[in-house]
Amino acid sequence: MCSLIRRWDADTCGSTLGCGVDWAQDRTQQTAEEQTHGGRETLSTQGARRAACLSAEHGQLCGVSRTTSLDLRYREHDADYSILAYFFSLIYYNCAADSEERLMNWLLGKDRYNPLIRPAVNRTERVTVKLQVSLAQLISVNEREQIMTTNVWLTQHWVDYRLVWDPSKYEGIDKLRIPSRHIWLPDIVLYNNADGTYEVTVFTNVIVLYNGSINWLPPAIYKSACKIEVKHFPFDQQNCTLKFRSWTYDHTELDLLLKSEVASMDDFTPSGEWDILALLADGL
């Protein structure tokens, strides 16, 4: 429940409205001389270009974060060895990127994950979803239409046992950011909306930890029905309620819990017309 009080201007007796690796030539020190110095042969320009092309064909080497120089002035039978060692170094630095892609493909493979099925081990198990409401902005209160417009962040936390992995098998990766459309969501909506918009505004990524713990923080602009009493205008105080629940799951399938009995205002932008007196949360 959101308790509001209108700000009053005493002077006016009214309300104030307020990877590809970048294969630049300076990355590799190439020598184009075609001569022999004391039994040491120098690779030709064509050979250096062939080395660069060959390295590019070894996959998407996107994980390199440093510049590596290669001295190509070796005996001919040693040159191939040196170039191969350079390729292996690039592939090693790309392991993290390859591991993340491999992990993502495995977790969300069609043969093991169905986003339409709730993450319950059996049919009788309830999925626990913890909610935390954060009020970012009180946009407006329309007395005539009886509508309150707010910018709300609805943090949702649950566990999906299907999204569990061993970080040691994937280069130590213990966290993923996955587009929310690709996994199961608890379809929490604003029940007392006033404009027919039930779902969130932006389907942001979910943060998934290796133990299956999921956090989702979608922002939304909500227009909720609110009974406005203007009897004491402009000294009026209003009480407006935001009611959230799952659209399709009942209490036997989903267990909604509040993380806190008070909504968060850590990122709140003050309104020019209203002050927030209280933001109380209650599980019905």
C-alpha atoms as a PDB file:
ATOM      1  CA  MET A   1       0.000   0.000   0.000  1.00  0.00           C
ATOM      2  CA  CYS A   2       1.321   3.425  -0.978  1.00  0.00           C
ATOM      3  CA  SER A   3       0.327   6.278   1.334  1.00  0.00           C
ATOM      4  CA  LEU A   4       0.635   9.729  -0.266  1.00  0.00           C
ATOM      5  CA  ILE A   5       0.261  13.287   0.939  1.00  0.00           C
ATOM      6  CA  ARG A   6       0.033  16.270  -1.381  1.00  0.00           C
ATOM      7  CA  ARG A   7       2.675  18.971  -1.125  1.00  0.00           C
ATOM      8  CA  TRP A   8       1.152  22.380  -0.321  1.00  0.00           C
ATOM      9  CA  ASP A   9       2.490  25.812  -1.295  1.00  0.00           C
ATOM     10  CA  ALA A  10       1.535  28.237   1.505  1.00  0.00           C
ATOM     11  CA  ASP A  11       2.178  31.321  -0.633  1.00  0.00           C
ATOM     12  CA  THR A  12      -0.246  30.404  -3.400  1.00  0.00           C
ATOM     13  CA  CYS A  13      -2.710  28.271  -1.383  1.00  0.00           C
ATOM     14  CA  GLY A  14      -2.569  25.613  -4.068  1.00  0.00           C
ATOM     15  CA  SER A  15      -0.675  22.546  -5.164  1.00  0.00           C
ATOM     16  CA  THR A  16       2.609  22.785  -7.053  1.00  0.00           C
ATOM     17  CA  LEU A  17       2.975  20.429  -9.955  1.00  0.00           C
ATOM     18  CA  GLY A  18       5.755  19.715  -9.962  1.00  0.00           C
ATOM     19  CA  CYS A  19      36.522 -11.626 -32.738  1.00  0.00           C
ATOM     20  CA  GLY A  20      37.501 -11.998 -34.149  1.00  0.00           C
ATOM     21  CA  VAL A  21      40.919 -10.776 -33.139  1.00  0.00           C
ATOM     22  CA  ASP A  22      41.827  -7.462 -34.729  1.00  0.00           C
ATOM     23  CA  TRP A  23      44.379  -8.689 -37.209  1.00  0.00           C
ATOM     24  CA  ALA A  24      46.106  -5.308 -37.629  1.00  0.00           C
ATOM     25  CA  GLN A  25      49.569  -5.672 -39.003  1.00  0.00           C
ATOM     26  CA  ASP A  26      51.132  -4.028 -35.949  1.00  0.00           C
ATOM     27  CA  ARG A  27      49.940  -6.985 -33.808  1.00  0.00           C
ATOM     28  CA  THR A  28      52.494  -9.279 -35.398  1.00  0.00           C
ATOM     29  CA  GLN A  29      56.005  -8.156 -36.168  1.00  0.00           C
ATOM     30  CA  GLN A  30      56.439  -9.376 -39.722  1.00  0.00           C
ATOM     31  CA  THR A  31      59.682  -9.329 -41.720  1.00  0.00           C
ATOM     32  CA  ALA A  32      59.534  -9.388 -45.490  1.00  0.00           C
ATOM     33  CA  GLU A  33      63.189  -9.884 -46.320  1.00  0.00           C
ATOM     34  CA  GLU A  34      64.046 -12.764 -48.618  1.00  0.00           C
ATOM     35  CA  GLN A  35      67.651 -13.452 -47.703  1.00  0.00           C
ATOM     36  CA  THR A  36      69.764 -15.774 -45.567  1.00  0.00           C
ATOM     37  CA  HIS A  37      71.847 -14.604 -42.581  1.00  0.00           C
ATOM     38  CA  GLY A  38      74.275 -17.167 -41.157  1.00  0.00           C
ATOM     39  CA  GLY A  39      72.079 -20.159 -41.795  1.00  0.00           C
ATOM     40  CA  ARG A  40      68.934 -18.327 -40.522  1.00  0.00           C
ATOM     41  CA  GLU A  41      66.202 -17.910 -43.095  1.00  0.00           C
ATOM     42  CA  THR A  42      63.624 -15.086 -43.038  1.00  0.00           C
ATOM     43  CA  LEU A  43      60.028 -15.824 -44.009  1.00  0.00           C
ATOM     44  CA  SER A  44      58.660 -14.032 -47.039  1.00  0.00           C
ATOM     45  CA  THR A  45      55.776 -11.554 -46.873  1.00  0.00           C
ATOM     46  CA  GLN A  46      53.577 -14.179 -48.493  1.00  0.00           C
ATOM     47  CA  GLY A  47      54.435 -16.637 -45.760  1.00  0.00           C
ATOM     48  CA  ALA A  48      53.559 -14.116 -43.034  1.00  0.00           C
ATOM     49  CA  ARG A  49      50.224 -13.421 -44.650  1.00  0.00           C
ATOM     50  CA  ARG A  50      49.557 -17.146 -44.877  1.00  0.00           C
ATOM     51  CA  ALA A  51      50.246 -17.445 -41.140  1.00  0.00           C
ATOM     52  CA  ALA A  52      47.733 -14.693 -40.345  1.00  0.00           C
ATOM     53  CA  CYS A  53      45.117 -16.257 -42.607  1.00  0.00           C
ATOM     54  CA  LEU A  54      45.684 -19.673 -41.077  1.00  0.00           C
ATOM     55  CA  SER A  55      45.250 -18.265 -37.576  1.00  0.00           C
ATOM     56  CA  ALA A  56      41.982 -16.639 -38.562  1.00  0.00           C
ATOM     57  CA  GLU A  57      40.705 -19.979 -39.843  1.00  0.00           C
ATOM     58  CA  HIS A  58      41.209 -21.623 -36.437  1.00  0.00           C
ATOM     59  CA  GLY A  59      37.808 -20.448 -35.201  1.00  0.00           C
ATOM     60  CA  GLN A  60      36.533 -17.276 -33.569  1.00  0.00           C
ATOM     61  CA  LEU A  61      39.477 -16.330 -31.394  1.00  0.00           C
ATOM     62  CA  CYS A  62      37.624 -13.629 -29.482  1.00  0.00           C
ATOM     63  CA  GLY A  63      39.117 -14.012 -26.040  1.00  0.00           C
ATOM     64  CA  VAL A  64      42.505 -12.353 -26.600  1.00  0.00           C
ATOM     65  CA  SER A  65      43.027  -9.348 -24.370  1.00  0.00           C
ATOM     66  CA  ARG A  66      46.696  -8.639 -24.975  1.00  0.00           C
ATOM     67  CA  THR A  67      49.001  -7.977 -27.928  1.00  0.00           C
ATOM     68  CA  THR A  68      51.374 -10.800 -28.764  1.00  0.00           C
ATOM     69  CA  SER A  69      54.423 -10.316 -30.966  1.00  0.00           C
ATOM     70  CA  LEU A  70      55.935 -13.099 -33.038  1.00  0.00           C
ATOM     71  CA  ASP A  71      59.480 -13.097 -34.377  1.00  0.00           C
ATOM     72  CA  LEU A  72      59.319 -15.064 -37.621  1.00  0.00           C
ATOM     73  CA  ARG A  73      63.087 -15.130 -38.267  1.00  0.00           C
ATOM     74  CA  TYR A  74      63.858 -18.784 -37.603  1.00  0.00           C
ATOM     75  CA  ARG A  75      65.126 -21.696 -39.609  1.00  0.00           C
ATOM     76  CA  GLU A  76      62.488 -23.033 -41.925  1.00  0.00           C
ATOM     77  CA  HIS A  77      61.908 -26.268 -39.990  1.00  0.00           C
ATOM     78  CA  ASP A  78      61.505 -24.247 -36.733  1.00  0.00           C
ATOM     79  CA  ALA A  79      59.188 -21.601 -38.185  1.00  0.00           C
ATOM     80  CA  ASP A  80      56.117 -23.850 -38.373  1.00  0.00           C
ATOM     81  CA  TYR A  81      56.623 -24.884 -34.760  1.00  0.00           C
ATOM     82  CA  SER A  82      56.774 -21.259 -33.583  1.00  0.00           C
ATOM     83  CA  ILE A  83      53.642 -20.282 -35.478  1.00  0.00           C
ATOM     84  CA  LEU A  84      51.692 -23.266 -34.121  1.00  0.00           C
ATOM     85  CA  ALA A  85      52.712 -22.340 -30.578  1.00  0.00           C
ATOM     86  CA  TYR A  86      51.278 -18.876 -31.203  1.00  0.00           C
ATOM     87  CA  PHE A  87      48.002 -20.365 -32.433  1.00  0.00           C
ATOM     88  CA  PHE A  88      47.677 -22.561 -29.339  1.00  0.00           C
ATOM     89  CA  SER A  89      48.192 -19.498 -27.144  1.00  0.00           C
ATOM     90  CA  LEU A  90      45.288 -17.716 -28.837  1.00  0.00           C
ATOM     91  CA  ILE A  91      43.045 -20.750 -28.520  1.00  0.00           C
ATOM     92  CA  TYR A  92      43.830 -20.986 -24.791  1.00  0.00           C
ATOM     93  CA  TYR A  93      42.752 -17.405 -24.180  1.00  0.00           C
ATOM     94  CA  ASN A  94      39.529 -18.081 -26.055  1.00  0.00           C
ATOM     95  CA  CYS A  95      38.555 -21.029 -23.837  1.00  0.00           C
ATOM     96  CA  ALA A  96      36.358 -18.894 -21.550  1.00  0.00           C
ATOM     97  CA  ALA A  97      34.242 -17.621 -24.452  1.00  0.00           C
ATOM     98  CA  ASP A  98      33.933 -21.121 -25.909  1.00  0.00           C
ATOM     99  CA  SER A  99      33.030 -22.553 -22.486  1.00  0.00           C
ATOM    100  CA  GLU A 100      30.255 -20.011 -21.951  1.00  0.00           C
ATOM    101  CA  GLU A 101      28.735 -20.794 -25.337  1.00  0.00           C
ATOM    102  CA  ARG A 102      29.051 -24.521 -24.695  1.00  0.00           C
ATOM    103  CA  LEU A 103      27.439 -24.133 -21.261  1.00  0.00           C
ATOM    104  CA  MET A 104      24.578 -22.028 -22.625  1.00  0.00           C
ATOM    105  CA  ASN A 105      23.864 -24.510 -25.406  1.00  0.00           C
ATOM    106  CA  TRP A 106      23.844 -27.391 -22.937  1.00  0.00           C
ATOM    107  CA  LEU A 107      21.609 -25.719 -20.350  1.00  0.00           C
ATOM    108  CA  LEU A 108      19.002 -24.524 -22.838  1.00  0.00           C
ATOM    109  CA  GLY A 109      19.142 -27.493 -25.196  1.00  0.00           C
ATOM    110  CA  LYS A 110      15.709 -28.537 -26.426  1.00  0.00           C
ATOM    111  CA  ASP A 111      16.343 -32.096 -25.302  1.00  0.00           C
ATOM    112  CA  ARG A 112      16.742 -31.088 -21.622  1.00  0.00           C
ATOM    113  CA  TYR A 113      14.987 -27.738 -20.997  1.00  0.00           C
ATOM    114  CA  ASN A 114      11.388 -26.705 -21.672  1.00  0.00           C
ATOM    115  CA  PRO A 115      10.584 -23.081 -20.685  1.00  0.00           C
ATOM    116  CA  LEU A 116       6.862 -23.910 -20.621  1.00  0.00           C
ATOM    117  CA  ILE A 117       7.246 -26.249 -17.630  1.00  0.00           C
ATOM    118  CA  ARG A 118       7.570 -24.828 -14.122  1.00  0.00           C
ATOM    119  CA  PRO A 119      10.744 -25.913 -12.270  1.00  0.00           C
ATOM    120  CA  ALA A 120       9.151 -28.405  -9.891  1.00  0.00           C
ATOM    121  CA  VAL A 121      10.690 -31.818  -9.226  1.00  0.00           C
ATOM    122  CA  ASN A 122       7.227 -33.370  -9.078  1.00  0.00           C
ATOM    123  CA  ARG A 123       3.643 -32.311  -9.715  1.00  0.00           C
ATOM    124  CA  THR A 124       2.819 -31.616  -6.069  1.00  0.00           C
ATOM    125  CA  GLU A 125       5.867 -29.456  -5.317  1.00  0.00           C
ATOM    126  CA  ARG A 126       5.330 -25.706  -5.095  1.00  0.00           C
ATOM    127  CA  VAL A 127       7.818 -23.281  -6.644  1.00  0.00           C
ATOM    128  CA  THR A 128       8.757 -20.534  -4.188  1.00  0.00           C
ATOM    129  CA  VAL A 129       9.054 -17.038  -5.667  1.00  0.00           C
ATOM    130  CA  LYS A 130      10.318 -14.203  -3.460  1.00  0.00           C
ATOM    131  CA  LEU A 131       9.265 -10.659  -4.373  1.00  0.00           C
ATOM    132  CA  GLN A 132      10.773  -7.273  -3.576  1.00  0.00           C
ATOM    133  CA  VAL A 133       9.014  -4.113  -4.772  1.00  0.00           C
ATOM    134  CA  SER A 134      11.131  -1.015  -5.424  1.00  0.00           C
ATOM    135  CA  LEU A 135       9.433   2.302  -6.168  1.00  0.00           C
ATOM    136  CA  ALA A 136      11.586   4.270  -8.605  1.00  0.00           C
ATOM    137  CA  GLN A 137       9.171   7.123  -9.311  1.00  0.00           C
ATOM    138  CA  LEU A 138       5.656   8.314  -8.559  1.00  0.00           C
ATOM    139  CA  ILE A 139       4.817   9.701 -11.983  1.00  0.00           C
ATOM    140  CA  SER A 140       1.302  11.014 -11.421  1.00  0.00           C
ATOM    141  CA  VAL A 141      -1.968  10.741  -9.508  1.00  0.00           C
ATOM    142  CA  ASN A 142      -5.008  11.488 -11.641  1.00  0.00           C
ATOM    143  CA  GLU A 143      -7.860  12.469  -9.326  1.00  0.00           C
ATOM    144  CA  ARG A 144     -10.502  12.620 -12.056  1.00  0.00           C
ATOM    145  CA  GLU A 145      -9.720   9.203 -13.595  1.00  0.00           C
ATOM    146  CA  GLN A 146      -8.781   7.615 -10.232  1.00  0.00           C
ATOM    147  CA  ILE A 147      -5.433   6.317 -11.544  1.00  0.00           C
ATOM    148  CA  MET A 148      -1.945   6.290 -10.028  1.00  0.00           C
ATOM    149  CA  THR A 149       1.009   5.929 -12.415  1.00  0.00           C
ATOM    150  CA  THR A 150       4.278   4.584 -11.015  1.00  0.00           C
ATOM    151  CA  ASN A 151       7.677   3.378 -12.182  1.00  0.00           C
ATOM    152  CA  VAL A 152       8.242   0.111 -10.317  1.00  0.00           C
ATOM    153  CA  TRP A 153      11.057  -2.456 -10.248  1.00  0.00           C
ATOM    154  CA  LEU A 154       9.749  -5.866  -9.235  1.00  0.00           C
ATOM    155  CA  THR A 155      12.635  -8.111  -8.142  1.00  0.00           C
ATOM    156  CA  GLN A 156      11.766 -11.811  -8.421  1.00  0.00           C
ATOM    157  CA  HIS A 157      13.868 -14.672  -7.078  1.00  0.00           C
ATOM    158  CA  TRP A 158      13.384 -18.422  -7.495  1.00  0.00           C
ATOM    159  CA  VAL A 159      15.377 -21.617  -8.060  1.00  0.00           C
ATOM    160  CA  ASP A 160      15.304 -23.690 -11.244  1.00  0.00           C
ATOM    161  CA  TYR A 161      16.886 -27.086 -10.587  1.00  0.00           C
ATOM    162  CA  ARG A 162      17.380 -27.612 -14.336  1.00  0.00           C
ATOM    163  CA  LEU A 163      19.803 -24.675 -14.578  1.00  0.00           C
ATOM    164  CA  VAL A 164      22.524 -26.188 -12.370  1.00  0.00           C
ATOM    165  CA  TRP A 165      26.105 -26.812 -13.517  1.00  0.00           C
ATOM    166  CA  ASP A 166      29.620 -27.504 -12.247  1.00  0.00           C
ATOM    167  CA  PRO A 167      31.802 -24.369 -12.730  1.00  0.00           C
ATOM    168  CA  SER A 168      34.991 -26.480 -12.760  1.00  0.00           C
ATOM    169  CA  LYS A 169      33.874 -28.021 -16.062  1.00  0.00           C
ATOM    170  CA  TYR A 170      33.379 -24.622 -17.703  1.00  0.00           C
ATOM    171  CA  GLU A 171      36.530 -22.604 -16.964  1.00  0.00           C
ATOM    172  CA  GLY A 172      35.172 -21.483 -13.565  1.00  0.00           C
ATOM    173  CA  ILE A 173      32.029 -19.807 -14.959  1.00  0.00           C
ATOM    174  CA  ASP A 174      29.596 -19.471 -12.038  1.00  0.00           C
ATOM    175  CA  LYS A 175      27.118 -16.905 -13.397  1.00  0.00           C
ATOM    176  CA  LEU A 176      25.194 -16.419 -16.635  1.00  0.00           C
ATOM    177  CA  ARG A 177      22.950 -13.696 -18.022  1.00  0.00           C
ATOM    178  CA  ILE A 178      20.184 -15.266 -20.062  1.00  0.00           C
ATOM    179  CA  PRO A 179      17.385 -13.529 -22.006  1.00  0.00           C
ATOM    180  CA  SER A 180      14.266 -14.012 -19.899  1.00  0.00           C
ATOM    181  CA  ARG A 181      12.234 -15.244 -22.878  1.00  0.00           C
ATOM    182  CA  HIS A 182      14.352 -18.427 -22.974  1.00  0.00           C
ATOM    183  CA  ILE A 183      13.507 -19.730 -19.485  1.00  0.00           C
ATOM    184  CA  TRP A 184      10.459 -20.342 -17.321  1.00  0.00           C
ATOM    185  CA  LEU A 185       9.017 -17.208 -15.667  1.00  0.00           C
ATOM    186  CA  PRO A 186       6.445 -17.026 -12.843  1.00  0.00           C
ATOM    187  CA  ASP A 187       4.108 -14.650 -14.819  1.00  0.00           C
ATOM    188  CA  ILE A 188       3.666 -12.142 -11.975  1.00  0.00           C
ATOM    189  CA  VAL A 189       1.334  -9.323 -13.056  1.00  0.00           C
ATOM    190  CA  LEU A 190      -0.332  -6.226 -11.595  1.00  0.00           C
ATOM    191  CA  TYR A 191      -3.868  -7.404 -10.935  1.00  0.00           C
ATOM    192  CA  ASN A 192      -5.492  -4.021 -10.286  1.00  0.00           C
ATOM    193  CA  ASN A 193      -4.129  -2.320 -13.388  1.00  0.00           C
ATOM    194  CA  ALA A 194      -6.222   0.423 -14.951  1.00  0.00           C
ATOM    195  CA  ASP A 195      -5.149   0.286 -18.599  1.00  0.00           C
ATOM    196  CA  GLY A 196      -5.070  -3.407 -19.498  1.00  0.00           C
ATOM    197  CA  THR A 197      -1.272  -3.619 -19.323  1.00  0.00           C
ATOM    198  CA  TYR A 198      -0.516  -6.525 -17.018  1.00  0.00           C
ATOM    199  CA  GLU A 199       3.078  -7.475 -17.756  1.00  0.00           C
ATOM    200  CA  VAL A 200       6.379  -5.678 -17.326  1.00  0.00           C
ATOM    201  CA  THR A 201       7.612  -3.026 -19.754  1.00  0.00           C
ATOM    202  CA  VAL A 202      10.993  -4.580 -20.602  1.00  0.00           C
ATOM    203  CA  PHE A 203      11.883  -8.284 -20.478  1.00  0.00           C
ATOM    204  CA  THR A 204      15.424  -7.870 -19.176  1.00  0.00           C
ATOM    205  CA  ASN A 205      17.991 -10.646 -18.805  1.00  0.00           C
ATOM    206  CA  VAL A 206      17.830 -12.950 -15.815  1.00  0.00           C
ATOM    207  CA  ILE A 207      20.943 -13.591 -13.715  1.00  0.00           C
ATOM    208  CA  VAL A 208      21.462 -17.327 -13.170  1.00  0.00           C
ATOM    209  CA  LEU A 209      23.971 -18.715 -10.661  1.00  0.00           C
ATOM    210  CA  TYR A 210      25.563 -22.146 -10.972  1.00  0.00           C
ATOM    211  CA  ASN A 211      23.304 -23.558  -8.219  1.00  0.00           C
ATOM    212  CA  GLY A 212      20.132 -22.697 -10.163  1.00  0.00           C
ATOM    213  CA  SER A 213      19.363 -19.518  -8.208  1.00  0.00           C
ATOM    214  CA  ILE A 214      17.679 -16.932 -10.455  1.00  0.00           C
ATOM    215  CA  ASN A 215      17.205 -13.181 -10.002  1.00  0.00           C
ATOM    216  CA  TRP A 216      15.057 -11.143 -12.362  1.00  0.00           C
ATOM    217  CA  LEU A 217      14.603  -7.373 -12.097  1.00  0.00           C
ATOM    218  CA  PRO A 218      12.197  -6.159 -14.807  1.00  0.00           C
ATOM    219  CA  PRO A 219      11.198  -2.463 -14.803  1.00  0.00           C
ATOM    220  CA  ALA A 220       7.605  -1.456 -15.510  1.00  0.00           C
ATOM    221  CA  ILE A 221       5.367   1.597 -15.769  1.00  0.00           C
ATOM    222  CA  TYR A 222       2.150   0.670 -13.980  1.00  0.00           C
ATOM    223  CA  LYS A 223      -1.204   2.423 -14.047  1.00  0.00           C
ATOM    224  CA  SER A 224      -3.199   1.143 -11.093  1.00  0.00           C
ATOM    225  CA  ALA A 225      -6.742   1.869 -10.018  1.00  0.00           C
ATOM    226  CA  CYS A 226      -6.837   4.015  -6.875  1.00  0.00           C
ATOM    227  CA  LYS A 227      -9.834   5.500  -5.079  1.00  0.00           C
ATOM    228  CA  ILE A 228      -9.078   9.210  -4.683  1.00  0.00           C
ATOM    229  CA  GLU A 229     -10.694  11.287  -1.916  1.00  0.00           C
ATOM    230  CA  VAL A 230     -10.440  15.034  -2.585  1.00  0.00           C
ATOM    231  CA  LYS A 231     -12.601  16.210   0.300  1.00  0.00           C
ATOM    232  CA  HIS A 232      -9.631  17.834   2.056  1.00  0.00           C
ATOM    233  CA  PHE A 233      -7.913  19.193  -1.065  1.00  0.00           C
ATOM    234  CA  PRO A 234      -5.212  20.533  -1.145  1.00  0.00           C
ATOM    235  CA  PHE A 235      -4.321  18.898   2.200  1.00  0.00           C
ATOM    236  CA  ASP A 236      -5.481  15.472   1.070  1.00  0.00           C
ATOM    237  CA  GLN A 237      -3.813  12.172   1.870  1.00  0.00           C
ATOM    238  CA  GLN A 238      -4.378   9.169  -0.405  1.00  0.00           C
ATOM    239  CA  ASN A 239      -3.904   5.420   0.023  1.00  0.00           C
ATOM    240  CA  CYS A 240      -3.238   3.439  -3.169  1.00  0.00           C
ATOM    241  CA  THR A 241      -2.591  -0.276  -3.480  1.00  0.00           C
ATOM    242  CA  LEU A 242      -0.607  -2.346  -5.991  1.00  0.00           C
ATOM    243  CA  LYS A 243      -1.746  -5.975  -6.108  1.00  0.00           C
ATOM    244  CA  PHE A 244       0.641  -8.529  -7.630  1.00  0.00           C
ATOM    245  CA  ARG A 245      -0.016 -12.200  -8.237  1.00  0.00           C
ATOM    246  CA  SER A 246       0.604 -14.954 -10.760  1.00  0.00           C
ATOM    247  CA  TRP A 247      -1.723 -14.833 -13.740  1.00  0.00           C
ATOM    248  CA  THR A 248      -2.068 -18.599 -14.269  1.00  0.00           C
ATOM    249  CA  TYR A 249      -0.596 -20.443 -11.238  1.00  0.00           C
ATOM    250  CA  ASP A 250      -2.575 -20.896  -8.033  1.00  0.00           C
ATOM    251  CA  HIS A 251      -1.356 -21.385  -4.458  1.00  0.00           C
ATOM    252  CA  THR A 252      -0.888 -25.133  -4.965  1.00  0.00           C
ATOM    253  CA  GLU A 253       1.701 -24.520  -7.684  1.00  0.00           C
ATOM    254  CA  LEU A 254       3.340 -21.242  -6.694  1.00  0.00           C
ATOM    255  CA  ASP A 255       4.279 -19.900  -3.270  1.00  0.00           C
ATOM    256  CA  LEU A 256       4.678 -16.106  -3.320  1.00  0.00           C
ATOM    257  CA  LEU A 257       6.702 -14.638  -0.463  1.00  0.00           C
ATOM    258  CA  LEU A 258       7.760 -11.085   0.358  1.00  0.00           C
ATOM    259  CA  LYS A 259      11.451 -10.413   0.918  1.00  0.00           C
ATOM    260  CA  SER A 260      10.564  -7.415   3.066  1.00  0.00           C
ATOM    261  CA  GLU A 261       7.468  -5.924   4.681  1.00  0.00           C
ATOM    262  CA  VAL A 262       8.500  -2.503   3.381  1.00  0.00           C
ATOM    263  CA  ALA A 263       8.976  -1.612  -0.277  1.00  0.00           C
ATOM    264  CA  SER A 264      12.371  -0.216  -1.226  1.00  0.00           C
ATOM    265  CA  MET A 265      12.925   3.469  -2.065  1.00  0.00           C
ATOM    266  CA  ASP A 266      16.692   3.264  -2.549  1.00  0.00           C
ATOM    267  CA  ASP A 267      16.446   4.512  -6.147  1.00  0.00           C
ATOM    268  CA  PHE A 268      13.398   6.746  -5.732  1.00  0.00           C
ATOM    269  CA  THR A 269      13.119  10.038  -7.634  1.00  0.00           C
ATOM    270  CA  PRO A 270      11.014  12.518  -5.597  1.00  0.00           C
ATOM    271  CA  SER A 271       7.708  13.780  -6.975  1.00  0.00           C
ATOM    272  CA  GLY A 272       7.001  17.474  -7.388  1.00  0.00           C
ATOM    273  CA  GLU A 273       3.474  17.202  -6.004  1.00  0.00           C
ATOM    274  CA  TRP A 274       3.338  14.267  -3.573  1.00  0.00           C
ATOM    275  CA  ASP A 275       5.359  12.992  -0.632  1.00  0.00           C
ATOM    276  CA  ILE A 276       5.495   9.279   0.184  1.00  0.00           C
ATOM    277  CA  LEU A 277       4.479   8.673   3.795  1.00  0.00           C
ATOM    278  CA  ALA A 278       4.741   4.872   3.814  1.00  0.00           C
ATOM    279  CA  LEU A 279       5.260   1.894   1.523  1.00  0.00           C
ATOM    280  CA  LEU A 280       3.954  -1.164   3.313  1.00  0.00           C
ATOM    281  CA  ALA A 281       3.892  -4.652   1.819  1.00  0.00           C
ATOM    282  CA  ASP A 282       1.521  -7.411   2.836  1.00  0.00           C
ATOM    283  CA  GLY A 283       1.132 -10.988   1.615  1.00  0.00           C
ATOM    284  CA  LEU A 284      -2.500 -11.912   1.182  1.00  0.00           C
END
